[in-house]
ModelCIF file with pLDDT and N, C-alpha, C, O atoms, coordinates in Angstrom:
data_MODEL
#
_entry.id   MODEL 
#
_entity.id                         1 
_entity.type                       polymer 
_entity.pdbx_number_of_molecules   1 
#
_entity_poly.entity_id                      1 
_entity_poly.type                           'polypeptide(L)' 
_entity_poly.nstd_linkage                   no 
_entity_poly.nstd_monomer                   no 
_entity_poly.pdbx_seq_one_letter_code       SGGTTNYADSVKGRFTISRDNAKNTVYLQMDSLKPEDTAVYYCA 
_entity_poly.pdbx_seq_one_letter_code_can   SGGTTNYADSVKGRFTISRDNAKNTVYLQMDSLKPEDTAVYYCA 
_entity_poly.pdbx_strand_id                 A 
#
loop_
_entity_poly_seq.entity_id 
_entity_poly_seq.num 
_entity_poly_seq.mon_id 
_entity_poly_seq.hetero 
1 1  SER n 
1 2  GLY n 
1 3  GLY n 
1 4  THR n 
1 5  THR n 
1 6  ASN n 
1 7  TYR n 
1 8  ALA n 
1 9  ASP n 
1 10 SER n 
1 11 VAL n 
1 12 LYS n 
1 13 GLY n 
1 14 ARG n 
1 15 PHE n 
1 16 THR n 
1 17 ILE n 
1 18 SER n 
1 19 ARG n 
1 20 ASP n 
1 21 ASN n 
1 22 ALA n 
1 23 LYS n 
1 24 ASN n 
1 25 THR n 
1 26 VAL n 
1 27 TYR n 
1 28 LEU n 
1 29 GLN n 
1 30 MET n 
1 31 ASP n 
1 32 SER n 
1 33 LEU n 
1 34 LYS n 
1 35 PRO n 
1 36 GLU n 
1 37 ASP n 
1 38 THR n 
1 39 ALA n 
1 40 VAL n 
1 41 TYR n 
1 42 TYR n 
1 43 CYS n 
1 44 ALA n 
#
_struct_asym.id          A 
_struct_asym.entity_id   1 
#
loop_
_ma_qa_metric.id 
_ma_qa_metric.mode 
_ma_qa_metric.name 
_ma_qa_metric.software_group_id 
_ma_qa_metric.type 
1 global pLDDT . pLDDT 
2 local  pLDDT . pLDDT 
#
_ma_qa_metric_global.metric_id      1 
_ma_qa_metric_global.metric_value   95.57 
_ma_qa_metric_global.model_id       1 
_ma_qa_metric_global.ordinal_id     1 
#
loop_
_ma_qa_metric_local.label_asym_id 
_ma_qa_metric_local.label_comp_id 
_ma_qa_metric_local.label_seq_id 
_ma_qa_metric_local.metric_id 
_ma_qa_metric_local.metric_value 
_ma_qa_metric_local.model_id 
_ma_qa_metric_local.ordinal_id 
A SER 1  2 87.00 1 1  
A GLY 2  2 90.00 1 2  
A GLY 3  2 92.00 1 3  
A THR 4  2 96.00 1 4  
A THR 5  2 97.00 1 5  
A ASN 6  2 97.00 1 6  
A TYR 7  2 98.00 1 7  
A ALA 8  2 98.00 1 8  
A ASP 9  2 98.00 1 9  
A SER 10 2 98.00 1 10 
A VAL 11 2 98.00 1 11 
A LYS 12 2 98.00 1 12 
A GLY 13 2 98.00 1 13 
A ARG 14 2 98.00 1 14 
A PHE 15 2 98.00 1 15 
A THR 16 2 98.00 1 16 
A ILE 17 2 98.00 1 17 
A SER 18 2 96.00 1 18 
A ARG 19 2 93.00 1 19 
A ASP 20 2 90.00 1 20 
A ASN 21 2 84.00 1 21 
A ALA 22 2 85.00 1 22 
A LYS 23 2 88.00 1 23 
A ASN 24 2 88.00 1 24 
A THR 25 2 92.00 1 25 
A VAL 26 2 94.00 1 26 
A TYR 27 2 97.00 1 27 
A LEU 28 2 98.00 1 28 
A GLN 29 2 98.00 1 29 
A MET 30 2 98.00 1 30 
A ASP 31 2 98.00 1 31 
A SER 32 2 98.00 1 32 
A LEU 33 2 98.00 1 33 
A LYS 34 2 98.00 1 34 
A PRO 35 2 98.00 1 35 
A GLU 36 2 97.00 1 36 
A ASP 37 2 98.00 1 37 
A THR 38 2 98.00 1 38 
A ALA 39 2 98.00 1 39 
A VAL 40 2 98.00 1 40 
A TYR 41 2 98.00 1 41 
A TYR 42 2 98.00 1 42 
A CYS 43 2 96.00 1 43 
A ALA 44 2 96.00 1 44 
#
loop_
_atom_site.group_PDB 
_atom_site.id 
_atom_site.type_symbol 
_atom_site.label_atom_id 
_atom_site.label_alt_id 
_atom_site.label_comp_id 
_atom_site.label_asym_id 
_atom_site.label_entity_id 
_atom_site.label_seq_id 
_atom_site.pdbx_PDB_ins_code 
_atom_site.Cartn_x 
_atom_site.Cartn_y 
_atom_site.Cartn_z 
_atom_site.occupancy 
_atom_site.B_iso_or_equiv 
_atom_site.pdbx_formal_charge 
_atom_site.auth_seq_id 
_atom_site.auth_comp_id 
_atom_site.auth_asym_id 
_atom_site.auth_atom_id 
_atom_site.pdbx_PDB_model_num 
ATOM 1   N N  . SER A 1 1  ? -109.229 66.443 36.849 1.00 87.00 ? 1  SER A N  1 
ATOM 2   C CA . SER A 1 1  ? -109.070 65.936 38.205 1.00 87.00 ? 1  SER A CA 1 
ATOM 3   C C  . SER A 1 1  ? -110.093 66.525 39.170 1.00 87.00 ? 1  SER A C  1 
ATOM 4   O O  . SER A 1 1  ? -110.306 65.988 40.257 1.00 87.00 ? 1  SER A O  1 
ATOM 5   N N  . GLY A 1 2  ? -110.718 67.614 38.777 1.00 90.00 ? 2  GLY A N  1 
ATOM 6   C CA . GLY A 1 2  ? -111.634 68.304 39.667 1.00 90.00 ? 2  GLY A CA 1 
ATOM 7   C C  . GLY A 1 2  ? -110.946 69.291 40.587 1.00 90.00 ? 2  GLY A C  1 
ATOM 8   O O  . GLY A 1 2  ? -111.604 69.961 41.383 1.00 90.00 ? 2  GLY A O  1 
ATOM 9   N N  . GLY A 1 3  ? -109.625 69.388 40.485 1.00 92.00 ? 3  GLY A N  1 
ATOM 10  C CA . GLY A 1 3  ? -108.864 70.249 41.373 1.00 92.00 ? 3  GLY A CA 1 
ATOM 11  C C  . GLY A 1 3  ? -108.937 71.725 41.044 1.00 92.00 ? 3  GLY A C  1 
ATOM 12  O O  . GLY A 1 3  ? -108.625 72.567 41.887 1.00 92.00 ? 3  GLY A O  1 
ATOM 13  N N  . THR A 1 4  ? -109.341 72.046 39.837 1.00 96.00 ? 4  THR A N  1 
ATOM 14  C CA . THR A 1 4  ? -109.442 73.435 39.414 1.00 96.00 ? 4  THR A CA 1 
ATOM 15  C C  . THR A 1 4  ? -110.838 73.711 38.892 1.00 96.00 ? 4  THR A C  1 
ATOM 16  O O  . THR A 1 4  ? -111.334 72.992 38.025 1.00 96.00 ? 4  THR A O  1 
ATOM 17  N N  . THR A 1 5  ? -111.474 74.747 39.414 1.00 97.00 ? 5  THR A N  1 
ATOM 18  C CA . THR A 1 5  ? -112.794 75.162 38.951 1.00 97.00 ? 5  THR A CA 1 
ATOM 19  C C  . THR A 1 5  ? -112.773 76.638 38.598 1.00 97.00 ? 5  THR A C  1 
ATOM 20  O O  . THR A 1 5  ? -111.909 77.389 39.050 1.00 97.00 ? 5  THR A O  1 
ATOM 21  N N  . ASN A 1 6  ? -113.725 77.034 37.793 1.00 97.00 ? 6  ASN A N  1 
ATOM 22  C CA . ASN A 1 6  ? -113.815 78.417 37.342 1.00 97.00 ? 6  ASN A CA 1 
ATOM 23  C C  . ASN A 1 6  ? -115.286 78.766 37.167 1.00 97.00 ? 6  ASN A C  1 
ATOM 24  O O  . ASN A 1 6  ? -116.058 77.965 36.641 1.00 97.00 ? 6  ASN A O  1 
ATOM 25  N N  . TYR A 1 7  ? -115.677 79.967 37.610 1.00 98.00 ? 7  TYR A N  1 
ATOM 26  C CA . TYR A 1 7  ? -117.070 80.377 37.544 1.00 98.00 ? 7  TYR A CA 1 
ATOM 27  C C  . TYR A 1 7  ? -117.210 81.775 36.978 1.00 98.00 ? 7  TYR A C  1 
ATOM 28  O O  . TYR A 1 7  ? -116.363 82.640 37.198 1.00 98.00 ? 7  TYR A O  1 
ATOM 29  N N  . ALA A 1 8  ? -118.288 81.983 36.250 1.00 98.00 ? 8  ALA A N  1 
ATOM 30  C CA . ALA A 1 8  ? -118.640 83.327 35.836 1.00 98.00 ? 8  ALA A CA 1 
ATOM 31  C C  . ALA A 1 8  ? -119.040 84.127 37.067 1.00 98.00 ? 8  ALA A C  1 
ATOM 32  O O  . ALA A 1 8  ? -119.602 83.575 38.013 1.00 98.00 ? 8  ALA A O  1 
ATOM 33  N N  . ASP A 1 9  ? -118.753 85.421 37.059 1.00 98.00 ? 9  ASP A N  1 
ATOM 34  C CA . ASP A 1 9  ? -119.078 86.260 38.207 1.00 98.00 ? 9  ASP A CA 1 
ATOM 35  C C  . ASP A 1 9  ? -120.566 86.231 38.541 1.00 98.00 ? 9  ASP A C  1 
ATOM 36  O O  . ASP A 1 9  ? -120.945 86.339 39.707 1.00 98.00 ? 9  ASP A O  1 
ATOM 37  N N  . SER A 1 10 ? -121.397 86.087 37.533 1.00 98.00 ? 10 SER A N  1 
ATOM 38  C CA . SER A 1 10 ? -122.834 86.121 37.730 1.00 98.00 ? 10 SER A CA 1 
ATOM 39  C C  . SER A 1 10 ? -123.379 84.932 38.516 1.00 98.00 ? 10 SER A C  1 
ATOM 40  O O  . SER A 1 10 ? -124.478 85.007 39.065 1.00 98.00 ? 10 SER A O  1 
ATOM 41  N N  . VAL A 1 11 ? -122.623 83.836 38.577 1.00 98.00 ? 11 VAL A N  1 
ATOM 42  C CA . VAL A 1 11 ? -123.092 82.637 39.275 1.00 98.00 ? 11 VAL A CA 1 
ATOM 43  C C  . VAL A 1 11 ? -122.224 82.251 40.454 1.00 98.00 ? 11 VAL A C  1 
ATOM 44  O O  . VAL A 1 11 ? -122.570 81.329 41.193 1.00 98.00 ? 11 VAL A O  1 
ATOM 45  N N  . LYS A 1 12 ? -121.117 82.924 40.648 1.00 98.00 ? 12 LYS A N  1 
ATOM 46  C CA . LYS A 1 12 ? -120.194 82.587 41.731 1.00 98.00 ? 12 LYS A CA 1 
ATOM 47  C C  . LYS A 1 12 ? -120.900 82.706 43.084 1.00 98.00 ? 12 LYS A C  1 
ATOM 48  O O  . LYS A 1 12 ? -121.555 83.706 43.375 1.00 98.00 ? 12 LYS A O  1 
ATOM 49  N N  . GLY A 1 13 ? -120.750 81.671 43.893 1.00 98.00 ? 13 GLY A N  1 
ATOM 50  C CA . GLY A 1 13 ? -121.394 81.636 45.195 1.00 98.00 ? 13 GLY A CA 1 
ATOM 51  C C  . GLY A 1 13 ? -122.762 80.998 45.174 1.00 98.00 ? 13 GLY A C  1 
ATOM 52  O O  . GLY A 1 13 ? -123.308 80.673 46.228 1.00 98.00 ? 13 GLY A O  1 
ATOM 53  N N  . ARG A 1 14 ? -123.332 80.810 43.989 1.00 98.00 ? 14 ARG A N  1 
ATOM 54  C CA . ARG A 1 14 ? -124.657 80.200 43.858 1.00 98.00 ? 14 ARG A CA 1 
ATOM 55  C C  . ARG A 1 14 ? -124.601 78.841 43.160 1.00 98.00 ? 14 ARG A C  1 
ATOM 56  O O  . ARG A 1 14 ? -125.366 77.936 43.494 1.00 98.00 ? 14 ARG A O  1 
ATOM 57  N N  . PHE A 1 15 ? -123.702 78.701 42.196 1.00 98.00 ? 15 PHE A N  1 
ATOM 58  C CA . PHE A 1 15 ? -123.570 77.461 41.431 1.00 98.00 ? 15 PHE A CA 1 
ATOM 59  C C  . PHE A 1 15 ? -122.302 76.718 41.845 1.00 98.00 ? 15 PHE A C  1 
ATOM 60  O O  . PHE A 1 15 ? -121.308 77.333 42.233 1.00 98.00 ? 15 PHE A O  1 
ATOM 61  N N  . THR A 1 16 ? -122.348 75.393 41.760 1.00 98.00 ? 16 THR A N  1 
ATOM 62  C CA . THR A 1 16 ? -121.192 74.562 42.059 1.00 98.00 ? 16 THR A CA 1 
ATOM 63  C C  . THR A 1 16 ? -121.046 73.490 40.994 1.00 98.00 ? 16 THR A C  1 
ATOM 64  O O  . THR A 1 16 ? -121.974 72.721 40.745 1.00 98.00 ? 16 THR A O  1 
ATOM 65  N N  . ILE A 1 17 ? -119.871 73.442 40.361 1.00 98.00 ? 17 ILE A N  1 
ATOM 66  C CA . ILE A 1 17 ? -119.601 72.414 39.366 1.00 98.00 ? 17 ILE A CA 1 
ATOM 67  C C  . ILE A 1 17 ? -118.783 71.307 40.012 1.00 98.00 ? 17 ILE A C  1 
ATOM 68  O O  . ILE A 1 17 ? -117.900 71.575 40.827 1.00 98.00 ? 17 ILE A O  1 
ATOM 69  N N  . SER A 1 18 ? -119.073 70.073 39.651 1.00 96.00 ? 18 SER A N  1 
ATOM 70  C CA . SER A 1 18 ? -118.345 68.930 40.175 1.00 96.00 ? 18 SER A CA 1 
ATOM 71  C C  . SER A 1 18 ? -118.356 67.820 39.139 1.00 96.00 ? 18 SER A C  1 
ATOM 72  O O  . SER A 1 18 ? -119.089 67.887 38.152 1.00 96.00 ? 18 SER A O  1 
ATOM 73  N N  . ARG A 1 19 ? -117.540 66.802 39.366 1.00 93.00 ? 19 ARG A N  1 
ATOM 74  C CA . ARG A 1 19 ? -117.518 65.683 38.430 1.00 93.00 ? 19 ARG A CA 1 
ATOM 75  C C  . ARG A 1 19 ? -117.205 64.387 39.154 1.00 93.00 ? 19 ARG A C  1 
ATOM 76  O O  . ARG A 1 19 ? -116.541 64.373 40.191 1.00 93.00 ? 19 ARG A O  1 
ATOM 77  N N  . ASP A 1 20 ? -117.697 63.306 38.585 1.00 90.00 ? 20 ASP A N  1 
ATOM 78  C CA . ASP A 1 20 ? -117.442 61.969 39.080 1.00 90.00 ? 20 ASP A CA 1 
ATOM 79  C C  . ASP A 1 20 ? -116.942 61.173 37.890 1.00 90.00 ? 20 ASP A C  1 
ATOM 80  O O  . ASP A 1 20 ? -117.735 60.674 37.092 1.00 90.00 ? 20 ASP A O  1 
ATOM 81  N N  . ASN A 1 21 ? -115.630 61.054 37.770 1.00 84.00 ? 21 ASN A N  1 
ATOM 82  C CA . ASN A 1 21 ? -115.050 60.400 36.603 1.00 84.00 ? 21 ASN A CA 1 
ATOM 83  C C  . ASN A 1 21 ? -115.391 58.910 36.533 1.00 84.00 ? 21 ASN A C  1 
ATOM 84  O O  . ASN A 1 21 ? -115.441 58.334 35.446 1.00 84.00 ? 21 ASN A O  1 
ATOM 85  N N  . ALA A 1 22 ? -115.623 58.292 37.680 1.00 85.00 ? 22 ALA A N  1 
ATOM 86  C CA . ALA A 1 22 ? -116.006 56.887 37.692 1.00 85.00 ? 22 ALA A CA 1 
ATOM 87  C C  . ALA A 1 22 ? -117.355 56.682 37.015 1.00 85.00 ? 22 ALA A C  1 
ATOM 88  O O  . ALA A 1 22 ? -117.623 55.619 36.456 1.00 85.00 ? 22 ALA A O  1 
ATOM 89  N N  . LYS A 1 23 ? -118.204 57.710 37.067 1.00 88.00 ? 23 LYS A N  1 
ATOM 90  C CA . LYS A 1 23 ? -119.518 57.655 36.441 1.00 88.00 ? 23 LYS A CA 1 
ATOM 91  C C  . LYS A 1 23 ? -119.553 58.400 35.113 1.00 88.00 ? 23 LYS A C  1 
ATOM 92  O O  . LYS A 1 23 ? -120.593 58.460 34.457 1.00 88.00 ? 23 LYS A O  1 
ATOM 93  N N  . ASN A 1 24 ? -118.421 58.965 34.720 1.00 88.00 ? 24 ASN A N  1 
ATOM 94  C CA . ASN A 1 24 ? -118.334 59.746 33.481 1.00 88.00 ? 24 ASN A CA 1 
ATOM 95  C C  . ASN A 1 24 ? -119.411 60.827 33.437 1.00 88.00 ? 24 ASN A C  1 
ATOM 96  O O  . ASN A 1 24 ? -120.077 61.022 32.421 1.00 88.00 ? 24 ASN A O  1 
ATOM 97  N N  . THR A 1 25 ? -119.564 61.520 34.551 1.00 92.00 ? 25 THR A N  1 
ATOM 98  C CA . THR A 1 25 ? -120.638 62.495 34.686 1.00 92.00 ? 25 THR A CA 1 
ATOM 99  C C  . THR A 1 25 ? -120.130 63.784 35.323 1.00 92.00 ? 25 THR A C  1 
ATOM 100 O O  . THR A 1 25 ? -119.318 63.757 36.247 1.00 92.00 ? 25 THR A O  1 
ATOM 101 N N  . VAL A 1 26 ? -120.619 64.904 34.817 1.00 94.00 ? 26 VAL A N  1 
ATOM 102 C CA . VAL A 1 26 ? -120.342 66.225 35.364 1.00 94.00 ? 26 VAL A CA 1 
ATOM 103 C C  . VAL A 1 26 ? -121.648 66.824 35.849 1.00 94.00 ? 26 VAL A C  1 
ATOM 104 O O  . VAL A 1 26 ? -122.693 66.634 35.227 1.00 94.00 ? 26 VAL A O  1 
ATOM 105 N N  . TYR A 1 27 ? -121.592 67.549 36.960 1.00 97.00 ? 27 TYR A N  1 
ATOM 106 C CA . TYR A 1 27 ? -122.788 68.114 37.561 1.00 97.00 ? 27 TYR A CA 1 
ATOM 107 C C  . TYR A 1 27 ? -122.683 69.626 37.689 1.00 97.00 ? 27 TYR A C  1 
ATOM 108 O O  . TYR A 1 27 ? -121.591 70.186 37.777 1.00 97.00 ? 27 TYR A O  1 
ATOM 109 N N  . LEU A 1 28 ? -123.835 70.265 37.696 1.00 98.00 ? 28 LEU A N  1 
ATOM 110 C CA . LEU A 1 28 ? -123.914 71.687 37.993 1.00 98.00 ? 28 LEU A CA 1 
ATOM 111 C C  . LEU A 1 28 ? -125.048 71.877 38.993 1.00 98.00 ? 28 LEU A C  1 
ATOM 112 O O  . LEU A 1 28 ? -126.225 71.828 38.635 1.00 98.00 ? 28 LEU A O  1 
ATOM 113 N N  . GLN A 1 29 ? -124.676 72.095 40.252 1.00 98.00 ? 29 GLN A N  1 
ATOM 114 C CA . GLN A 1 29 ? -125.659 72.372 41.291 1.00 98.00 ? 29 GLN A CA 1 
ATOM 115 C C  . GLN A 1 29 ? -125.962 73.857 41.272 1.00 98.00 ? 29 GLN A C  1 
ATOM 116 O O  . GLN A 1 29 ? -125.061 74.681 41.429 1.00 98.00 ? 29 GLN A O  1 
ATOM 117 N N  . MET A 1 30 ? -127.220 74.201 41.081 1.00 98.00 ? 30 MET A N  1 
ATOM 118 C CA . MET A 1 30 ? -127.637 75.587 40.968 1.00 98.00 ? 30 MET A CA 1 
ATOM 119 C C  . MET A 1 30 ? -128.573 75.923 42.123 1.00 98.00 ? 30 MET A C  1 
ATOM 120 O O  . MET A 1 30 ? -129.670 75.374 42.224 1.00 98.00 ? 30 MET A O  1 
ATOM 121 N N  . ASP A 1 31 ? -128.134 76.824 42.986 1.00 98.00 ? 31 ASP A N  1 
ATOM 122 C CA . ASP A 1 31 ? -128.921 77.264 44.131 1.00 98.00 ? 31 ASP A CA 1 
ATOM 123 C C  . ASP A 1 31 ? -129.242 78.744 43.993 1.00 98.00 ? 31 ASP A C  1 
ATOM 124 O O  . ASP A 1 31 ? -128.609 79.460 43.218 1.00 98.00 ? 31 ASP A O  1 
ATOM 125 N N  . SER A 1 32 ? -130.233 79.191 44.752 1.00 98.00 ? 32 SER A N  1 
ATOM 126 C CA . SER A 1 32 ? -130.649 80.595 44.726 1.00 98.00 ? 32 SER A CA 1 
ATOM 127 C C  . SER A 1 32 ? -130.880 81.088 43.306 1.00 98.00 ? 32 SER A C  1 
ATOM 128 O O  . SER A 1 32 ? -130.410 82.159 42.920 1.00 98.00 ? 32 SER A O  1 
ATOM 129 N N  . LEU A 1 33 ? -131.601 80.303 42.549 1.00 98.00 ? 33 LEU A N  1 
ATOM 130 C CA . LEU A 1 33 ? -131.835 80.627 41.147 1.00 98.00 ? 33 LEU A CA 1 
ATOM 131 C C  . LEU A 1 33 ? -132.651 81.906 40.995 1.00 98.00 ? 33 LEU A C  1 
ATOM 132 O O  . LEU A 1 33 ? -133.534 82.202 41.799 1.00 98.00 ? 33 LEU A O  1 
ATOM 133 N N  . LYS A 1 34 ? -132.334 82.647 39.953 1.00 98.00 ? 34 LYS A N  1 
ATOM 134 C CA . LYS A 1 34 ? -132.996 83.901 39.639 1.00 98.00 ? 34 LYS A CA 1 
ATOM 135 C C  . LYS A 1 34 ? -133.604 83.817 38.244 1.00 98.00 ? 34 LYS A C  1 
ATOM 136 O O  . LYS A 1 34 ? -133.164 83.001 37.433 1.00 98.00 ? 34 LYS A O  1 
ATOM 137 N N  . PRO A 1 35 ? -134.603 84.640 37.949 1.00 98.00 ? 35 PRO A N  1 
ATOM 138 C CA . PRO A 1 35 ? -135.161 84.653 36.594 1.00 98.00 ? 35 PRO A CA 1 
ATOM 139 C C  . PRO A 1 35 ? -134.101 84.899 35.523 1.00 98.00 ? 35 PRO A C  1 
ATOM 140 O O  . PRO A 1 35 ? -134.233 84.413 34.400 1.00 98.00 ? 35 PRO A O  1 
ATOM 141 N N  . GLU A 1 36 ? -133.058 85.644 35.857 1.00 97.00 ? 36 GLU A N  1 
ATOM 142 C CA . GLU A 1 36 ? -131.979 85.916 34.923 1.00 97.00 ? 36 GLU A CA 1 
ATOM 143 C C  . GLU A 1 36 ? -131.184 84.672 34.551 1.00 97.00 ? 36 GLU A C  1 
ATOM 144 O O  . GLU A 1 36 ? -130.430 84.693 33.579 1.00 97.00 ? 36 GLU A O  1 
ATOM 145 N N  . ASP A 1 37 ? -131.342 83.586 35.309 1.00 98.00 ? 37 ASP A N  1 
ATOM 146 C CA . ASP A 1 37 ? -130.657 82.337 35.013 1.00 98.00 ? 37 ASP A CA 1 
ATOM 147 C C  . ASP A 1 37 ? -131.385 81.514 33.959 1.00 98.00 ? 37 ASP A C  1 
ATOM 148 O O  . ASP A 1 37 ? -130.870 80.492 33.505 1.00 98.00 ? 37 ASP A O  1 
ATOM 149 N N  . THR A 1 38 ? -132.568 81.946 33.571 1.00 98.00 ? 38 THR A N  1 
ATOM 150 C CA . THR A 1 38 ? -133.345 81.230 32.565 1.00 98.00 ? 38 THR A CA 1 
ATOM 151 C C  . THR A 1 38 ? -132.570 81.164 31.253 1.00 98.00 ? 38 THR A C  1 
ATOM 152 O O  . THR A 1 38 ? -132.178 82.193 30.702 1.00 98.00 ? 38 THR A O  1 
ATOM 153 N N  . ALA A 1 39 ? -132.353 79.953 30.762 1.00 98.00 ? 39 ALA A N  1 
ATOM 154 C CA . ALA A 1 39 ? -131.575 79.751 29.546 1.00 98.00 ? 39 ALA A CA 1 
ATOM 155 C C  . ALA A 1 39 ? -131.534 78.270 29.211 1.00 98.00 ? 39 ALA A C  1 
ATOM 156 O O  . ALA A 1 39 ? -131.953 77.426 30.003 1.00 98.00 ? 39 ALA A O  1 
ATOM 157 N N  . VAL A 1 40 ? -131.025 77.971 28.029 1.00 98.00 ? 40 VAL A N  1 
ATOM 158 C CA . VAL A 1 40 ? -130.678 76.606 27.684 1.00 98.00 ? 40 VAL A CA 1 
ATOM 159 C C  . VAL A 1 40 ? -129.243 76.396 28.140 1.00 98.00 ? 40 VAL A C  1 
ATOM 160 O O  . VAL A 1 40 ? -128.354 77.166 27.778 1.00 98.00 ? 40 VAL A O  1 
ATOM 161 N N  . TYR A 1 41 ? -129.016 75.365 28.926 1.00 98.00 ? 41 TYR A N  1 
ATOM 162 C CA . TYR A 1 41 ? -127.691 75.080 29.469 1.00 98.00 ? 41 TYR A CA 1 
ATOM 163 C C  . TYR A 1 41 ? -127.033 73.954 28.682 1.00 98.00 ? 41 TYR A C  1 
ATOM 164 O O  . TYR A 1 41 ? -127.632 72.904 28.450 1.00 98.00 ? 41 TYR A O  1 
ATOM 165 N N  . TYR A 1 42 ? -125.788 74.196 28.278 1.00 98.00 ? 42 TYR A N  1 
ATOM 166 C CA . TYR A 1 42 ? -125.033 73.252 27.470 1.00 98.00 ? 42 TYR A CA 1 
ATOM 167 C C  . TYR A 1 42 ? -123.809 72.743 28.211 1.00 98.00 ? 42 TYR A C  1 
ATOM 168 O O  . TYR A 1 42 ? -123.117 73.501 28.890 1.00 98.00 ? 42 TYR A O  1 
ATOM 169 N N  . CYS A 1 43 ? -123.556 71.470 28.073 1.00 96.00 ? 43 CYS A N  1 
ATOM 170 C CA . CYS A 1 43 ? -122.350 70.848 28.582 1.00 96.00 ? 43 CYS A CA 1 
ATOM 171 C C  . CYS A 1 43 ? -121.330 70.791 27.453 1.00 96.00 ? 43 CYS A C  1 
ATOM 172 O O  . CYS A 1 43 ? -121.695 70.575 26.298 1.00 96.00 ? 43 CYS A O  1 
ATOM 173 N N  . ALA A 1 44 ? -120.050 70.983 27.777 1.00 96.00 ? 44 ALA A N  1 
ATOM 174 C CA . ALA A 1 44 ? -119.006 70.967 26.765 1.00 96.00 ? 44 ALA A CA 1 
ATOM 175 C C  . ALA A 1 44 ? -117.745 70.303 27.299 1.00 96.00 ? 44 ALA A C  1 
ATOM 176 O O  . ALA A 1 44 ? -116.751 70.199 26.581 1.00 96.00 ? 44 ALA A O  1 
#
């Protein structure tokens, strides 16, 4: 439903997860990115 979200402490306040079920799509908005965020990101 999008009513409950959960974040790792390392990204809390910088990343925002959201979803649009009508589009069958989930998003991850990433702001204030740091070199430590470099990685392969997987959706599950």
